[in-house]
N, C-alpha and C. Protein backbone atom coordinates (compact mmCIF):
# COMPACT_ATOMS: atom_id res chain seq x y z
N MET A 1 0.81 -1.21 -0.01
CA MET A 1 0.00 -0.01 0.00
C MET A 1 0.87 1.26 0.00
N ALA A 2 1.94 1.27 0.78
CA ALA A 2 2.77 2.48 0.87
C ALA A 2 3.37 2.86 -0.46
N LYS A 3 3.81 1.85 -1.26
CA LYS A 3 4.35 2.14 -2.57
C LYS A 3 3.33 2.88 -3.41
N ASN A 4 2.09 2.44 -3.34
CA ASN A 4 1.02 3.12 -4.08
C ASN A 4 0.81 4.53 -3.57
N GLU A 5 0.97 4.74 -2.27
CA GLU A 5 0.84 6.07 -1.69
C GLU A 5 1.96 6.99 -2.19
N VAL A 6 3.16 6.47 -2.27
CA VAL A 6 4.29 7.25 -2.77
C VAL A 6 4.09 7.53 -4.25
N ASP A 7 3.63 6.54 -5.00
CA ASP A 7 3.30 6.76 -6.41
C ASP A 7 2.27 7.88 -6.54
N ALA A 8 1.23 7.84 -5.71
CA ALA A 8 0.18 8.86 -5.76
C ALA A 8 0.73 10.24 -5.40
N TYR A 9 1.64 10.30 -4.43
CA TYR A 9 2.29 11.56 -4.08
C TYR A 9 3.01 12.14 -5.28
N LEU A 10 3.79 11.30 -5.94
CA LEU A 10 4.59 11.76 -7.08
C LEU A 10 3.73 12.18 -8.26
N VAL A 11 2.63 11.49 -8.49
CA VAL A 11 1.73 11.86 -9.58
C VAL A 11 1.20 13.28 -9.39
N GLU A 12 1.01 13.66 -8.16
CA GLU A 12 0.49 14.99 -7.86
C GLU A 12 1.54 16.11 -7.98
N CYS A 13 2.80 15.73 -8.07
CA CYS A 13 3.87 16.73 -8.20
C CYS A 13 3.92 17.25 -9.65
N PRO A 14 4.09 18.55 -9.82
CA PRO A 14 4.27 19.06 -11.20
C PRO A 14 5.65 18.74 -11.72
N GLU A 15 5.81 18.81 -12.99
CA GLU A 15 7.15 18.73 -13.57
C GLU A 15 7.82 20.09 -13.46
N PRO A 16 9.10 20.17 -13.26
CA PRO A 16 10.08 19.09 -13.26
C PRO A 16 10.29 18.44 -11.89
N GLN A 17 9.56 18.88 -10.85
CA GLN A 17 9.73 18.27 -9.53
C GLN A 17 9.50 16.77 -9.56
N ARG A 18 8.48 16.31 -10.29
CA ARG A 18 8.17 14.89 -10.32
C ARG A 18 9.37 14.07 -10.80
N SER A 19 9.94 14.44 -11.93
CA SER A 19 11.10 13.70 -12.45
C SER A 19 12.29 13.77 -11.52
N THR A 20 12.50 14.93 -10.93
CA THR A 20 13.62 15.09 -9.99
C THR A 20 13.45 14.20 -8.78
N LEU A 21 12.25 14.16 -8.24
CA LEU A 21 12.00 13.30 -7.08
C LEU A 21 11.96 11.82 -7.44
N GLN A 22 11.52 11.49 -8.63
CA GLN A 22 11.58 10.09 -9.07
C GLN A 22 13.02 9.60 -9.14
N ALA A 23 13.92 10.47 -9.59
CA ALA A 23 15.34 10.12 -9.62
C ALA A 23 15.89 9.94 -8.20
N LEU A 24 15.49 10.81 -7.29
CA LEU A 24 15.91 10.68 -5.91
C LEU A 24 15.36 9.38 -5.31
N ARG A 25 14.11 9.08 -5.56
CA ARG A 25 13.50 7.85 -5.09
C ARG A 25 14.29 6.63 -5.59
N ALA A 26 14.67 6.63 -6.84
CA ALA A 26 15.42 5.53 -7.39
C ALA A 26 16.77 5.38 -6.69
N SER A 27 17.43 6.50 -6.39
CA SER A 27 18.70 6.46 -5.66
C SER A 27 18.52 5.88 -4.27
N ILE A 28 17.50 6.34 -3.57
CA ILE A 28 17.24 5.84 -2.21
C ILE A 28 16.95 4.34 -2.25
N LYS A 29 16.11 3.91 -3.19
CA LYS A 29 15.77 2.49 -3.27
C LYS A 29 16.98 1.65 -3.65
N LYS A 30 17.88 2.20 -4.45
CA LYS A 30 19.10 1.46 -4.79
C LYS A 30 19.98 1.29 -3.55
N LEU A 31 20.07 2.31 -2.74
CA LEU A 31 20.92 2.28 -1.56
C LEU A 31 20.27 1.56 -0.37
N LEU A 32 18.95 1.55 -0.33
CA LEU A 32 18.19 0.93 0.76
C LEU A 32 17.15 -0.03 0.20
N PRO A 33 17.58 -1.09 -0.50
CA PRO A 33 16.60 -1.96 -1.17
C PRO A 33 15.60 -2.63 -0.22
N ASN A 34 15.93 -2.78 1.03
CA ASN A 34 15.04 -3.45 1.98
C ASN A 34 14.30 -2.49 2.90
N ALA A 35 14.45 -1.20 2.65
CA ALA A 35 13.77 -0.20 3.48
C ALA A 35 12.26 -0.23 3.28
N GLU A 36 11.55 0.12 4.30
CA GLU A 36 10.09 0.27 4.23
C GLU A 36 9.81 1.62 3.56
N GLU A 37 9.06 1.60 2.48
CA GLU A 37 8.68 2.83 1.81
C GLU A 37 7.29 3.22 2.31
N THR A 38 7.16 4.43 2.77
CA THR A 38 5.91 4.84 3.41
C THR A 38 5.66 6.33 3.23
N ILE A 39 4.53 6.78 3.69
CA ILE A 39 4.26 8.20 3.80
C ILE A 39 4.34 8.53 5.28
N TYR A 40 5.19 9.48 5.62
CA TYR A 40 5.46 9.84 7.01
C TYR A 40 5.35 11.36 7.12
N TYR A 41 4.46 11.84 7.97
CA TYR A 41 4.21 13.27 8.07
C TYR A 41 3.86 13.88 6.72
N GLY A 42 3.14 13.12 5.89
CA GLY A 42 2.64 13.62 4.60
C GLY A 42 3.62 13.58 3.46
N VAL A 43 4.84 13.04 3.68
CA VAL A 43 5.83 12.98 2.59
C VAL A 43 6.38 11.56 2.46
N PRO A 44 6.85 11.21 1.27
CA PRO A 44 7.49 9.91 1.09
C PRO A 44 8.71 9.78 2.01
N ALA A 45 8.81 8.61 2.65
CA ALA A 45 9.90 8.38 3.58
C ALA A 45 10.32 6.91 3.53
N TYR A 46 11.52 6.67 4.02
CA TYR A 46 12.10 5.34 4.02
C TYR A 46 12.58 5.01 5.41
N LYS A 47 12.15 3.85 5.92
CA LYS A 47 12.53 3.43 7.28
C LYS A 47 13.34 2.15 7.22
N VAL A 48 14.30 2.07 8.13
CA VAL A 48 15.10 0.89 8.34
C VAL A 48 14.95 0.54 9.81
N GLU A 49 14.59 -0.71 10.08
CA GLU A 49 14.40 -1.16 11.47
C GLU A 49 13.46 -0.22 12.23
N GLY A 50 12.46 0.29 11.53
CA GLY A 50 11.45 1.15 12.15
C GLY A 50 11.87 2.59 12.33
N LYS A 51 13.10 2.94 11.94
CA LYS A 51 13.60 4.30 12.11
C LYS A 51 13.64 5.00 10.76
N GLY A 52 13.22 6.28 10.73
CA GLY A 52 13.28 7.08 9.53
C GLY A 52 14.73 7.32 9.11
N VAL A 53 14.99 7.11 7.82
CA VAL A 53 16.37 7.28 7.31
C VAL A 53 16.42 8.36 6.25
N ALA A 54 15.37 8.48 5.46
CA ALA A 54 15.37 9.45 4.35
C ALA A 54 13.93 9.78 3.97
N GLY A 55 13.75 10.99 3.49
CA GLY A 55 12.44 11.39 2.99
C GLY A 55 12.63 12.53 2.02
N PHE A 56 11.56 12.82 1.29
CA PHE A 56 11.65 13.93 0.31
C PHE A 56 10.29 14.57 0.10
N ALA A 57 10.31 15.77 -0.47
CA ALA A 57 9.08 16.49 -0.72
C ALA A 57 9.28 17.48 -1.87
N SER A 58 8.16 17.82 -2.47
CA SER A 58 8.13 18.80 -3.55
C SER A 58 7.54 20.11 -3.03
N PHE A 59 8.16 21.21 -3.40
CA PHE A 59 7.65 22.52 -3.08
C PHE A 59 7.66 23.36 -4.37
N LYS A 60 7.04 24.49 -4.35
CA LYS A 60 6.91 25.29 -5.56
C LYS A 60 8.27 25.69 -6.15
N LYS A 61 9.19 26.13 -5.30
CA LYS A 61 10.46 26.65 -5.80
C LYS A 61 11.69 25.78 -5.49
N HIS A 62 11.46 24.65 -4.80
CA HIS A 62 12.58 23.74 -4.50
C HIS A 62 12.03 22.36 -4.16
N CYS A 63 12.91 21.40 -4.11
CA CYS A 63 12.62 20.08 -3.57
C CYS A 63 13.40 19.98 -2.27
N SER A 64 12.98 19.09 -1.41
CA SER A 64 13.68 18.89 -0.14
C SER A 64 13.99 17.43 0.10
N TYR A 65 15.12 17.23 0.74
CA TYR A 65 15.55 15.92 1.23
C TYR A 65 15.54 16.01 2.75
N PHE A 66 14.98 15.00 3.41
CA PHE A 66 14.90 14.99 4.86
C PHE A 66 15.73 13.82 5.39
N PRO A 67 16.75 14.06 6.20
CA PRO A 67 17.58 12.97 6.73
C PRO A 67 16.97 12.28 7.94
N MET A 68 15.86 12.78 8.44
CA MET A 68 15.18 12.22 9.60
C MET A 68 16.04 12.28 10.86
N SER A 69 16.94 13.24 10.89
CA SER A 69 17.81 13.44 12.06
C SER A 69 18.34 14.88 12.00
N GLY A 70 18.40 15.51 13.13
CA GLY A 70 18.91 16.88 13.20
C GLY A 70 20.43 16.97 13.21
N SER A 71 21.13 15.85 13.21
CA SER A 71 22.60 15.92 13.31
C SER A 71 23.32 15.49 12.04
N VAL A 72 22.63 15.02 11.04
CA VAL A 72 23.29 14.55 9.81
C VAL A 72 24.00 15.68 9.10
N PHE A 73 23.35 16.81 8.91
CA PHE A 73 23.93 17.90 8.13
C PHE A 73 25.21 18.45 8.73
N SER A 74 25.28 18.52 10.05
CA SER A 74 26.47 19.06 10.69
C SER A 74 27.69 18.14 10.45
N GLN A 75 27.44 16.89 10.15
CA GLN A 75 28.53 15.95 9.88
C GLN A 75 28.98 16.00 8.44
N LEU A 76 28.21 16.67 7.58
CA LEU A 76 28.51 16.72 6.15
C LEU A 76 28.60 18.17 5.63
N GLU A 77 29.08 19.05 6.46
CA GLU A 77 29.12 20.47 6.10
C GLU A 77 29.79 20.77 4.78
N ASN A 78 30.93 20.15 4.51
CA ASN A 78 31.65 20.42 3.26
C ASN A 78 30.84 19.94 2.06
N GLU A 79 30.26 18.76 2.14
CA GLU A 79 29.49 18.20 1.03
C GLU A 79 28.23 18.99 0.73
N LEU A 80 27.73 19.68 1.75
CA LEU A 80 26.46 20.41 1.63
C LEU A 80 26.64 21.92 1.46
N ALA A 81 27.85 22.38 1.33
CA ALA A 81 28.13 23.82 1.28
C ALA A 81 27.40 24.53 0.15
N ALA A 82 27.12 23.85 -0.95
CA ALA A 82 26.46 24.47 -2.09
C ALA A 82 24.93 24.49 -1.96
N PHE A 83 24.40 23.93 -0.90
CA PHE A 83 22.96 23.83 -0.72
C PHE A 83 22.45 24.67 0.44
N VAL A 84 21.19 25.00 0.37
CA VAL A 84 20.50 25.64 1.50
C VAL A 84 20.00 24.52 2.39
N THR A 85 20.34 24.61 3.67
CA THR A 85 19.81 23.63 4.62
C THR A 85 19.13 24.33 5.79
N THR A 86 18.19 23.66 6.36
CA THR A 86 17.60 24.05 7.63
C THR A 86 17.98 22.95 8.61
N LYS A 87 17.48 22.99 9.81
CA LYS A 87 17.84 21.95 10.77
C LYS A 87 17.43 20.56 10.26
N GLY A 88 16.31 20.47 9.53
CA GLY A 88 15.83 19.17 9.14
C GLY A 88 15.65 18.93 7.65
N ALA A 89 16.04 19.90 6.80
CA ALA A 89 15.82 19.72 5.36
C ALA A 89 16.96 20.30 4.55
N LEU A 90 17.23 19.61 3.45
CA LEU A 90 18.17 20.08 2.45
C LEU A 90 17.37 20.49 1.26
N HIS A 91 17.49 21.74 0.83
CA HIS A 91 16.75 22.22 -0.34
C HIS A 91 17.62 22.10 -1.56
N PHE A 92 17.03 21.63 -2.64
CA PHE A 92 17.78 21.51 -3.89
C PHE A 92 16.87 21.89 -5.06
N PRO A 93 17.45 22.22 -6.21
CA PRO A 93 16.67 22.71 -7.33
C PRO A 93 15.62 21.73 -7.81
N ILE A 94 14.51 22.28 -8.31
CA ILE A 94 13.41 21.46 -8.79
C ILE A 94 13.75 20.65 -10.02
N ASP A 95 14.83 21.00 -10.68
CA ASP A 95 15.17 20.32 -11.93
C ASP A 95 16.55 19.66 -11.91
N LYS A 96 17.11 19.45 -10.72
CA LYS A 96 18.43 18.83 -10.64
C LYS A 96 18.46 17.87 -9.45
N PRO A 97 18.34 16.56 -9.74
CA PRO A 97 18.36 15.57 -8.65
C PRO A 97 19.68 15.58 -7.89
N LEU A 98 19.64 15.18 -6.64
CA LEU A 98 20.87 15.00 -5.87
C LEU A 98 21.65 13.84 -6.46
N SER A 99 22.98 13.94 -6.41
CA SER A 99 23.80 12.86 -6.95
C SER A 99 23.69 11.61 -6.06
N LEU A 100 23.89 10.46 -6.69
CA LEU A 100 23.88 9.20 -5.95
C LEU A 100 24.96 9.23 -4.87
N THR A 101 26.09 9.84 -5.17
CA THR A 101 27.19 9.93 -4.20
C THR A 101 26.76 10.71 -2.96
N LEU A 102 26.08 11.83 -3.15
CA LEU A 102 25.63 12.64 -2.01
C LEU A 102 24.54 11.90 -1.23
N VAL A 103 23.60 11.32 -1.93
CA VAL A 103 22.53 10.57 -1.25
C VAL A 103 23.13 9.43 -0.44
N ASN A 104 24.13 8.77 -0.98
CA ASN A 104 24.81 7.71 -0.25
C ASN A 104 25.45 8.23 1.04
N LYS A 105 26.11 9.38 0.97
CA LYS A 105 26.71 9.97 2.17
C LYS A 105 25.66 10.35 3.20
N LEU A 106 24.55 10.92 2.74
CA LEU A 106 23.47 11.28 3.66
C LEU A 106 22.90 10.05 4.36
N ILE A 107 22.65 9.01 3.58
CA ILE A 107 22.04 7.79 4.13
C ILE A 107 23.05 7.08 5.05
N THR A 108 24.29 6.97 4.62
CA THR A 108 25.31 6.30 5.45
C THR A 108 25.47 7.01 6.78
N THR A 109 25.48 8.34 6.76
CA THR A 109 25.60 9.11 7.99
C THR A 109 24.41 8.84 8.90
N ARG A 110 23.23 8.82 8.33
CA ARG A 110 22.02 8.56 9.14
C ARG A 110 22.00 7.15 9.70
N LEU A 111 22.36 6.18 8.88
CA LEU A 111 22.38 4.78 9.33
C LEU A 111 23.35 4.57 10.50
N ALA A 112 24.44 5.30 10.49
CA ALA A 112 25.44 5.15 11.56
C ALA A 112 24.87 5.60 12.92
N GLU A 113 23.80 6.38 12.89
CA GLU A 113 23.16 6.81 14.14
C GLU A 113 22.17 5.81 14.69
N ILE A 114 21.80 4.82 13.91
CA ILE A 114 20.79 3.86 14.30
C ILE A 114 21.45 2.58 14.79
N PRO A 115 21.22 2.21 16.05
CA PRO A 115 21.76 0.94 16.53
C PRO A 115 21.23 -0.23 15.67
N SER A 116 22.12 -1.07 15.22
CA SER A 116 21.75 -2.15 14.33
C SER A 116 21.15 -3.34 15.09
N LYS A 117 20.13 -3.92 14.46
CA LYS A 117 19.53 -5.16 14.96
C LYS A 117 19.81 -6.28 13.97
N GLY A 118 21.01 -6.31 13.46
CA GLY A 118 21.35 -7.35 12.49
C GLY A 118 21.37 -6.88 11.06
N ARG A 119 21.53 -5.57 10.85
CA ARG A 119 21.57 -5.01 9.51
C ARG A 119 22.72 -5.55 8.74
């Protein structure tokens, strides 16, 4: 059901946000093939062992990536210097997906914060 909810979320996004977020979704799914895909606080999100690891959203003038942690960005300051960040969101252009390399760093940093139950 959650996959269908994420599909429905993306269908409602205008272009070019839809294509940009579909590319981000593909990157997240490649890096977290066993993650639970869901809607969390109204946006597509990915959970590992019940913990939020990544999420994204479409806005009129930007797209956002959510690391589901307030401490991820401070650990990646150099990698994120070209982006606008808030405590919980990384804003990026509506027509330029985040690189797989950057998404990998964001996810790896977040996963390191989650105690493993056999990951």
